[in-house]
Protein backbone atom coordinates (compact mmCIF):
# COMPACT_ATOMS: atom_id res chain seq x y z
CA MET A 1 94.50 68.69 109.73
CA LYS A 2 92.86 65.38 110.53
CA ILE A 3 94.57 61.98 110.68
CA THR A 4 92.58 59.54 108.53
CA ALA A 5 94.72 56.39 108.60
CA ARG A 6 98.01 54.89 109.69
CA GLU A 7 99.85 51.99 108.10
CA GLY A 8 103.26 51.19 109.54
CA SER A 9 105.17 54.44 109.84
CA THR A 10 102.98 56.27 107.30
CA VAL A 11 100.21 58.58 108.51
CA ASP A 12 97.54 59.73 106.04
CA MET A 13 95.79 63.02 106.69
CA THR A 14 93.32 65.49 105.27
CA ILE A 15 94.10 69.19 105.34
CA SER A 16 91.66 72.09 105.49
CA GLY A 17 91.91 75.68 106.53
CA ALA A 18 91.93 79.27 105.39
CA THR A 19 94.47 81.91 104.41
CA GLN A 20 94.39 85.69 104.36
CA ALA A 21 97.24 87.78 102.99
CA VAL A 22 96.58 91.52 103.01
CA SER A 23 98.67 94.61 102.40
CA GLY A 24 97.34 98.11 102.69
CA SER A 25 100.23 100.30 101.77
CA LYS A 26 104.00 100.40 101.92
CA TRP A 27 106.31 97.94 100.18
CA ASP A 28 109.56 97.27 102.03
CA MET A 29 111.81 97.21 99.00
CA ARG A 30 114.34 99.79 100.13
CA ASN A 31 115.96 101.37 97.07
CA GLU A 32 115.08 98.79 94.42
CA VAL A 33 114.49 100.25 90.97
CA TRP A 34 111.24 98.29 90.50
CA LYS A 35 109.62 99.60 93.69
CA PRO A 36 105.98 100.64 93.10
CA GLU A 37 105.43 104.39 92.86
CA HIS A 38 102.14 104.40 94.84
CA ASP A 39 100.48 102.46 97.64
CA HIS A 40 97.78 100.01 96.58
CA PRO A 41 95.63 97.93 98.94
CA ARG A 42 95.70 94.30 97.79
CA GLY A 43 95.09 90.84 99.13
CA VAL A 44 94.22 87.18 98.67
CA VAL A 45 91.77 85.16 100.78
CA THR A 46 91.41 81.40 100.25
CA ARG A 47 90.01 78.16 101.64
CA MET A 48 92.38 75.18 101.51
CA TYR A 49 91.55 71.52 100.85
CA GLY A 50 94.06 68.69 100.59
CA SER A 51 95.54 65.40 101.64
CA ALA A 52 99.01 64.17 102.48
CA ALA A 53 101.00 61.21 103.72
CA PHE A 54 103.78 61.63 106.27
CA ASP A 55 106.45 59.07 107.09
CA LEU A 56 107.12 59.20 110.83
CA GLU A 57 110.44 57.35 110.55
CA SER A 58 112.03 59.63 107.96
CA GLY A 59 110.20 62.76 109.12
CA THR A 60 109.19 63.62 105.54
CA PHE A 61 106.05 63.91 103.48
CA THR A 62 105.73 61.15 100.88
CA ARG A 63 102.61 62.63 99.28
CA PHE A 64 101.22 66.16 99.38
CA ASP A 65 98.31 67.56 97.37
CA LEU A 66 96.57 70.82 98.22
CA VAL A 67 94.29 73.30 96.46
CA ALA A 68 93.51 76.78 97.71
CA LEU A 69 90.50 78.53 96.16
CA GLY A 70 89.37 82.06 96.83
CA ARG A 71 89.34 85.70 95.82
CA ARG A 72 92.07 88.23 95.08
CA TYR A 73 91.74 91.98 94.95
CA GLY A 74 93.84 95.04 94.25
CA PHE A 75 97.00 95.44 92.24
CA SER A 76 100.46 96.92 92.09
CA GLU A 77 102.64 98.08 89.26
CA ASN A 78 104.56 94.80 89.57
CA ASN A 79 101.88 92.13 89.25
CA GLY A 80 100.35 92.89 85.85
CA ARG A 81 96.86 93.68 87.18
CA LYS A 82 96.70 97.44 86.52
CA CYS A 83 93.68 96.85 84.29
CA GLN A 84 92.01 94.39 86.68
CA ILE A 85 91.59 96.16 90.01
CA GLU A 86 88.21 94.56 90.78
CA PRO A 87 88.15 91.33 92.84
CA SER A 88 88.26 88.05 90.95
CA SER A 89 88.54 84.33 91.60
CA ILE A 90 91.94 82.74 92.12
CA GLY A 91 93.21 79.23 92.76
CA TYR A 92 96.45 77.51 93.63
CA SER A 93 97.47 73.88 93.33
CA LEU A 94 100.38 72.58 95.40
CA SER A 95 102.04 69.19 95.04
CA PHE A 96 105.50 67.69 94.81
CA ALA A 97 107.37 68.78 91.70
CA PRO A 98 108.92 66.12 89.51
CA THR A 99 112.62 65.63 90.11
CA GLY A 100 115.13 67.15 87.72
CA MET A 101 116.37 70.63 86.93
CA ALA A 102 113.78 71.21 84.18
CA HIS A 103 111.10 71.46 86.88
CA ARG A 104 112.97 73.85 89.18
CA VAL A 105 112.16 77.51 88.67
CA PRO A 106 113.94 80.10 90.82
CA PRO A 107 111.87 82.73 92.62
CA THR A 108 111.27 86.01 90.84
CA PHE A 109 113.97 88.61 91.60
CA ILE A 110 116.21 85.90 93.08
CA ASP A 111 119.20 88.08 92.21
CA VAL A 112 118.29 90.58 94.97
CA TYR A 113 117.96 87.95 97.73
CA ASP A 114 121.72 87.40 98.09
CA ALA A 115 121.05 83.74 98.88
CA LYS A 116 124.16 81.78 99.88
CA TRP A 117 123.05 78.75 97.82
CA LEU A 118 122.62 80.80 94.62
CA VAL A 119 125.33 79.94 92.09
CA ARG A 120 125.49 82.64 89.47
CA PRO A 121 126.42 81.56 85.92
CA LYS A 122 129.73 82.71 84.55
CA PRO A 123 129.53 85.54 81.97
CA ALA A 124 129.21 84.36 78.37
CA ALA A 125 132.72 85.63 77.55
CA ALA A 126 134.19 83.30 80.21
CA ASN A 127 132.44 80.32 78.57
CA ALA A 128 133.45 81.18 74.99
CA GLY A 129 135.49 78.52 73.23
CA LYS A 130 134.80 75.81 75.83
C-alpha cells in the first residue's frame, strides 16, 4: 500500500500485492454430507492492483476498488471443475456493494456456520394465511 494523497481527514492510497491460497489434501469438514470423497491438490495465485480512500476520523473506507488477476489450478467435487483440472486464468473484482437487501448474498453453506446473526425464515406453514 502506498499513500498517494491526503485531503482533510481522507487519505488516498494505491494497493498492490500478491496472494497464494493452496491446499494439498484434507478438507476439514467433519461429518458433512457434501465432503469430497478424495483429496485433490488445488490453489489460486494472484497479483492485486487497486486504490482506496480511508477516512481517518471515522476509521472507515469511503472508496475501495481492487482487482486480483492470476491462475487457478486443481478441483474438488464441490467447485464444479471436475472437467477442468488444468490451470486457467482467473480474476476477482472487489468494491463496495450497493446498499439494500437485493445486493446481499449469504455465503454458500451458511446454514452449517451456526452464525449468531443468522435469522432463519419461519417455515412456510407458519406464514400461511398471513
